Amino acid sequence: MKIRYDKDVDAMMIILSDKKLAYESEVENIVIGFSKDNEPIWLEILDVTRDFLPKLNKITK
């Protein structure tokens, strides 16, 4: 697993697999990349500091 953060666009990418991307699906501010056998291969979390982390903080309190 690899994790990358791009502060210029406030997005975090969590790479789960080296398989090739077949399609993507977006749920709120999370884009999920899937392989041709429907396995999640990466997650891209958008608006990490402005949206995701505040929500996560609220949930974990």
PDB file of N, CA and C in Angstrom:
ATOM      1  N   MET A   1       0.850  -1.178   0.000  1.00  0.00           N
ATOM      2  CA  MET A   1       0.000   0.000   0.000  1.00  0.00           C
ATOM      3  C   MET A   1       0.894   1.239   0.000  1.00  0.00           C
ATOM      4  N   LYS A   2       0.487   2.223  -0.799  1.00  0.00           N
ATOM      5  CA  LYS A   2       1.200   3.495  -0.855  1.00  0.00           C
ATOM      6  C   LYS A   2       0.200   4.615  -0.615  1.00  0.00           C
ATOM      7  N   ILE A   3       0.644   5.655   0.058  1.00  0.00           N
ATOM      8  CA  ILE A   3      -0.214   6.811   0.303  1.00  0.00           C
ATOM      9  C   ILE A   3       0.517   8.053  -0.170  1.00  0.00           C
ATOM     10  N   ARG A   4      -0.185   8.869  -0.948  1.00  0.00           N
ATOM     11  CA  ARG A   4       0.380  10.135  -1.437  1.00  0.00           C
ATOM     12  C   ARG A   4      -0.598  11.254  -1.132  1.00  0.00           C
ATOM     13  N   TYR A   5      -0.046  12.422  -0.849  1.00  0.00           N
ATOM     14  CA  TYR A   5      -0.883  13.603  -0.611  1.00  0.00           C
ATOM     15  C   TYR A   5      -0.387  14.738  -1.487  1.00  0.00           C
ATOM     16  N   ASP A   6      -1.311  15.385  -2.184  1.00  0.00           N
ATOM     17  CA  ASP A   6      -0.983  16.537  -3.031  1.00  0.00           C
ATOM     18  C   ASP A   6      -1.622  17.766  -2.397  1.00  0.00           C
ATOM     19  N   LYS A   7      -0.805  18.603  -1.760  1.00  0.00           N
ATOM     20  CA  LYS A   7      -1.342  19.763  -1.051  1.00  0.00           C
ATOM     21  C   LYS A   7      -1.897  20.818  -2.000  1.00  0.00           C
ATOM     22  N   ASP A   8      -1.418  20.845  -3.248  1.00  0.00           N
ATOM     23  CA  ASP A   8      -1.917  21.837  -4.208  1.00  0.00           C
ATOM     24  C   ASP A   8      -3.389  21.637  -4.534  1.00  0.00           C
ATOM     25  N   VAL A   9      -3.839  20.384  -4.550  1.00  0.00           N
ATOM     26  CA  VAL A   9      -5.251  20.095  -4.838  1.00  0.00           C
ATOM     27  C   VAL A   9      -5.977  19.510  -3.633  1.00  0.00           C
ATOM     28  N   ASP A  10      -5.262  19.400  -2.495  1.00  0.00           N
ATOM     29  CA  ASP A  10      -5.824  18.873  -1.243  1.00  0.00           C
ATOM     30  C   ASP A  10      -6.469  17.503  -1.445  1.00  0.00           C
ATOM     31  N   ALA A  11      -5.698  16.597  -2.050  1.00  0.00           N
ATOM     32  CA  ALA A  11      -6.199  15.248  -2.318  1.00  0.00           C
ATOM     33  C   ALA A  11      -5.190  14.209  -1.850  1.00  0.00           C
ATOM     34  N   MET A  12      -5.709  13.115  -1.317  1.00  0.00           N
ATOM     35  CA  MET A  12      -4.880  12.009  -0.867  1.00  0.00           C
ATOM     36  C   MET A  12      -5.212  10.782  -1.708  1.00  0.00           C
ATOM     37  N   MET A  13      -4.190  10.100  -2.169  1.00  0.00           N
ATOM     38  CA  MET A  13      -4.350   8.889  -2.963  1.00  0.00           C
ATOM     39  C   MET A  13      -3.822   7.715  -2.160  1.00  0.00           C
ATOM     40  N   ILE A  14      -4.655   6.699  -1.982  1.00  0.00           N
ATOM     41  CA  ILE A  14      -4.253   5.474  -1.311  1.00  0.00           C
ATOM     42  C   ILE A  14      -4.247   4.379  -2.367  1.00  0.00           C
ATOM     43  N   ILE A  15      -3.062   3.890  -2.693  1.00  0.00           N
ATOM     44  CA  ILE A  15      -2.917   2.883  -3.740  1.00  0.00           C
ATOM     45  C   ILE A  15      -2.881   1.511  -3.081  1.00  0.00           C
ATOM     46  N   LEU A  16      -3.830   0.680  -3.465  1.00  0.00           N
ATOM     47  CA  LEU A  16      -3.984  -0.638  -2.856  1.00  0.00           C
ATOM     48  C   LEU A  16      -3.397  -1.757  -3.698  1.00  0.00           C
ATOM     49  N   SER A  17      -3.304  -1.539  -5.016  1.00  0.00           N
ATOM     50  CA  SER A  17      -2.880  -2.601  -5.926  1.00  0.00           C
ATOM     51  C   SER A  17      -2.218  -1.992  -7.159  1.00  0.00           C
ATOM     52  N   ASP A  18      -1.402  -2.796  -7.836  1.00  0.00           N
ATOM     53  CA  ASP A  18      -0.762  -2.365  -9.081  1.00  0.00           C
ATOM     54  C   ASP A  18      -1.574  -2.747 -10.319  1.00  0.00           C
ATOM     55  N   LYS A  19      -2.763  -3.313 -10.115  1.00  0.00           N
ATOM     56  CA  LYS A  19      -3.584  -3.716 -11.256  1.00  0.00           C
ATOM     57  C   LYS A  19      -3.992  -2.495 -12.079  1.00  0.00           C
ATOM     58  N   LYS A  20      -4.360  -2.742 -13.326  1.00  0.00           N
ATOM     59  CA  LYS A  20      -4.766  -1.659 -14.220  1.00  0.00           C
ATOM     60  C   LYS A  20      -6.186  -1.192 -13.914  1.00  0.00           C
ATOM     61  N   LEU A  21      -6.389   0.103 -14.089  1.00  0.00           N
ATOM     62  CA  LEU A  21      -7.694   0.715 -13.853  1.00  0.00           C
ATOM     63  C   LEU A  21      -8.662   0.351 -14.968  1.00  0.00           C
ATOM     64  N   ALA A  22      -9.850  -0.124 -14.594  1.00  0.00           N
ATOM     65  CA  ALA A  22     -10.911  -0.429 -15.556  1.00  0.00           C
ATOM     66  C   ALA A  22     -11.998   0.644 -15.527  1.00  0.00           C
ATOM     67  N   TYR A  23     -12.345   1.087 -14.310  1.00  0.00           N
ATOM     68  CA  TYR A  23     -13.362   2.125 -14.176  1.00  0.00           C
ATOM     69  C   TYR A  23     -13.264   2.776 -12.807  1.00  0.00           C
ATOM     70  N   GLU A  24     -13.949   3.908 -12.661  1.00  0.00           N
ATOM     71  CA  GLU A  24     -13.976   4.649 -11.397  1.00  0.00           C
ATOM     72  C   GLU A  24     -15.406   4.855 -10.944  1.00  0.00           C
ATOM     73  N   SER A  25     -15.552   5.019  -9.647  1.00  0.00           N
ATOM     74  CA  SER A  25     -16.845   5.334  -9.064  1.00  0.00           C
ATOM     75  C   SER A  25     -16.614   6.401  -7.996  1.00  0.00           C
ATOM     76  N   GLU A  26     -17.511   7.385  -7.937  1.00  0.00           N
ATOM     77  CA  GLU A  26     -17.356   8.466  -6.966  1.00  0.00           C
ATOM     78  C   GLU A  26     -18.505   8.448  -5.973  1.00  0.00           C
ATOM     79  N   VAL A  27     -18.150   8.541  -4.698  1.00  0.00           N
ATOM     80  CA  VAL A  27     -19.123   8.622  -3.613  1.00  0.00           C
ATOM     81  C   VAL A  27     -18.715   9.824  -2.775  1.00  0.00           C
ATOM     82  N   GLU A  28     -19.545  10.849  -2.791  1.00  0.00           N
ATOM     83  CA  GLU A  28     -19.232  12.118  -2.145  1.00  0.00           C
ATOM     84  C   GLU A  28     -17.864  12.607  -2.624  1.00  0.00           C
ATOM     85  N   ASN A  29     -16.901  12.762  -1.740  1.00  0.00           N
ATOM     86  CA  ASN A  29     -15.580  13.268  -2.120  1.00  0.00           C
ATOM     87  C   ASN A  29     -14.534  12.167  -2.195  1.00  0.00           C
ATOM     88  N   ILE A  30     -14.971  10.944  -2.450  1.00  0.00           N
ATOM     89  CA  ILE A  30     -14.043   9.820  -2.576  1.00  0.00           C
ATOM     90  C   ILE A  30     -14.242   9.169  -3.938  1.00  0.00           C
ATOM     91  N   VAL A  31     -13.150   9.070  -4.682  1.00  0.00           N
ATOM     92  CA  VAL A  31     -13.170   8.401  -5.983  1.00  0.00           C
ATOM     93  C   VAL A  31     -12.469   7.063  -5.804  1.00  0.00           C
ATOM     94  N   ILE A  32     -13.139   5.988  -6.223  1.00  0.00           N
ATOM     95  CA  ILE A  32     -12.587   4.646  -6.075  1.00  0.00           C
ATOM     96  C   ILE A  32     -12.282   4.102  -7.462  1.00  0.00           C
ATOM     97  N   GLY A  33     -11.047   3.644  -7.642  1.00  0.00           N
ATOM     98  CA  GLY A  33     -10.648   3.019  -8.902  1.00  0.00           C
ATOM     99  C   GLY A  33     -10.745   1.511  -8.771  1.00  0.00           C
ATOM    100  N   PHE A  34     -11.315   0.874  -9.786  1.00  0.00           N
ATOM    101  CA  PHE A  34     -11.518  -0.581  -9.763  1.00  0.00           C
ATOM    102  C   PHE A  34     -10.803  -1.250 -10.929  1.00  0.00           C
ATOM    103  N   SER A  35     -10.366  -2.482 -10.699  1.00  0.00           N
ATOM    104  CA  SER A  35      -9.794  -3.300 -11.769  1.00  0.00           C
ATOM    105  C   SER A  35     -10.941  -3.945 -12.552  1.00  0.00           C
ATOM    106  N   LYS A  36     -10.595  -4.656 -13.624  1.00  0.00           N
ATOM    107  CA  LYS A  36     -11.632  -5.289 -14.438  1.00  0.00           C
ATOM    108  C   LYS A  36     -12.382  -6.380 -13.682  1.00  0.00           C
ATOM    109  N   ASP A  37     -11.794  -6.927 -12.613  1.00  0.00           N
ATOM    110  CA  ASP A  37     -12.487  -7.927 -11.802  1.00  0.00           C
ATOM    111  C   ASP A  37     -13.143  -7.309 -10.564  1.00  0.00           C
ATOM    112  N   ASN A  38     -13.416  -5.998 -10.649  1.00  0.00           N
ATOM    113  CA  ASN A  38     -14.150  -5.250  -9.613  1.00  0.00           C
ATOM    114  C   ASN A  38     -13.429  -5.142  -8.271  1.00  0.00           C
ATOM    115  N   GLU A  39     -12.129  -5.275  -8.290  1.00  0.00           N
ATOM    116  CA  GLU A  39     -11.337  -5.125  -7.066  1.00  0.00           C
ATOM    117  C   GLU A  39     -10.932  -3.662  -6.913  1.00  0.00           C
ATOM    118  N   PRO A  40     -11.157  -3.058  -5.745  1.00  0.00           N
ATOM    119  CA  PRO A  40     -10.685  -1.685  -5.539  1.00  0.00           C
ATOM    120  C   PRO A  40      -9.160  -1.651  -5.610  1.00  0.00           C
ATOM    121  N   ILE A  41      -8.630  -0.758  -6.444  1.00  0.00           N
ATOM    122  CA  ILE A  41      -7.174  -0.684  -6.583  1.00  0.00           C
ATOM    123  C   ILE A  41      -6.613   0.617  -6.028  1.00  0.00           C
ATOM    124  N   TRP A  42      -7.447   1.646  -5.902  1.00  0.00           N
ATOM    125  CA  TRP A  42      -7.024   2.883  -5.251  1.00  0.00           C
ATOM    126  C   TRP A  42      -8.224   3.698  -4.796  1.00  0.00           C
ATOM    127  N   LEU A  43      -7.945   4.562  -3.819  1.00  0.00           N
ATOM    128  CA  LEU A  43      -8.933   5.514  -3.314  1.00  0.00           C
ATOM    129  C   LEU A  43      -8.324   6.897  -3.433  1.00  0.00           C
ATOM    130  N   GLU A  44      -9.089   7.825  -3.940  1.00  0.00           N
ATOM    131  CA  GLU A  44      -8.646   9.217  -3.975  1.00  0.00           C
ATOM    132  C   GLU A  44      -9.622  10.023  -3.132  1.00  0.00           C
ATOM    133  N   ILE A  45      -9.118  10.599  -2.065  1.00  0.00           N
ATOM    134  CA  ILE A  45      -9.953  11.385  -1.162  1.00  0.00           C
ATOM    135  C   ILE A  45      -9.721  12.852  -1.486  1.00  0.00           C
ATOM    136  N   LEU A  46     -10.787  13.529  -1.914  1.00  0.00           N
ATOM    137  CA  LEU A  46     -10.722  14.929  -2.304  1.00  0.00           C
ATOM    138  C   LEU A  46     -11.037  15.829  -1.110  1.00  0.00           C
ATOM    139  N   ASP A  47     -10.544  17.048  -1.128  1.00  0.00           N
ATOM    140  CA  ASP A  47     -10.789  18.020  -0.049  1.00  0.00           C
ATOM    141  C   ASP A  47     -10.450  17.438   1.320  1.00  0.00           C
ATOM    142  N   VAL A  48      -9.274  16.865   1.426  1.00  0.00           N
ATOM    143  CA  VAL A  48      -8.858  16.169   2.645  1.00  0.00           C
ATOM    144  C   VAL A  48      -8.909  17.085   3.865  1.00  0.00           C
ATOM    145  N   THR A  49      -8.238  18.225   3.826  1.00  0.00           N
ATOM    146  CA  THR A  49      -8.167  19.073   5.020  1.00  0.00           C
ATOM    147  C   THR A  49      -9.425  19.906   5.222  1.00  0.00           C
ATOM    148  N   ARG A  50     -10.126  20.220   4.173  1.00  0.00           N
ATOM    149  CA  ARG A  50     -11.321  21.069   4.297  1.00  0.00           C
ATOM    150  C   ARG A  50     -12.585  20.281   4.603  1.00  0.00           C
ATOM    151  N   ASP A  51     -12.634  18.993   4.223  1.00  0.00           N
ATOM    152  CA  ASP A  51     -13.877  18.238   4.369  1.00  0.00           C
ATOM    153  C   ASP A  51     -13.668  16.904   5.087  1.00  0.00           C
ATOM    154  N   PHE A  52     -12.772  16.074   4.575  1.00  0.00           N
ATOM    155  CA  PHE A  52     -12.613  14.717   5.093  1.00  0.00           C
ATOM    156  C   PHE A  52     -12.124  14.677   6.541  1.00  0.00           C
ATOM    157  N   LEU A  53     -11.039  15.377   6.846  1.00  0.00           N
ATOM    158  CA  LEU A  53     -10.493  15.339   8.210  1.00  0.00           C
ATOM    159  C   LEU A  53     -11.445  15.916   9.254  1.00  0.00           C
ATOM    160  N   PRO A  54     -12.132  17.043   8.980  1.00  0.00           N
ATOM    161  CA  PRO A  54     -13.112  17.513   9.967  1.00  0.00           C
ATOM    162  C   PRO A  54     -14.230  16.500  10.221  1.00  0.00           C
ATOM    163  N   LYS A  55     -14.694  15.828   9.161  1.00  0.00           N
ATOM    164  CA  LYS A  55     -15.727  14.793   9.342  1.00  0.00           C
ATOM    165  C   LYS A  55     -15.185  13.618  10.143  1.00  0.00           C
ATOM    166  N   LEU A  56     -13.973  13.201   9.836  1.00  0.00           N
ATOM    167  CA  LEU A  56     -13.350  12.097  10.562  1.00  0.00           C
ATOM    168  C   LEU A  56     -13.154  12.466  12.034  1.00  0.00           C
ATOM    169  N   ASN A  57     -12.742  13.670  12.295  1.00  0.00           N
ATOM    170  CA  ASN A  57     -12.556  14.149  13.665  1.00  0.00           C
ATOM    171  C   ASN A  57     -13.877  14.122  14.429  1.00  0.00           C
ATOM    172  N   LYS A  58     -14.933  14.537  13.774  1.00  0.00           N
ATOM    173  CA  LYS A  58     -16.256  14.546  14.409  1.00  0.00           C
ATOM    174  C   LYS A  58     -16.727  13.138  14.737  1.00  0.00           C
ATOM    175  N   ILE A  59     -16.467  12.197  13.848  1.00  0.00           N
ATOM    176  CA  ILE A  59     -16.883  10.798  14.038  1.00  0.00           C
ATOM    177  C   ILE A  59     -16.104  10.153  15.177  1.00  0.00           C
ATOM    178  N   THR A  60     -14.821  10.466  15.277  1.00  0.00           N
ATOM    179  CA  THR A  60     -13.972   9.788  16.265  1.00  0.00           C
ATOM    180  C   THR A  60     -14.034  10.370  17.663  1.00  0.00           C
ATOM    181  N   LYS A  61     -14.735  11.475  17.831  1.00  0.00           N
ATOM    182  CA  LYS A  61     -14.844  12.076  19.173  1.00  0.00           C
ATOM    183  C   LYS A  61     -15.865  11.357  20.007  1.00  0.00           C
TER     184      LYS A  61
END
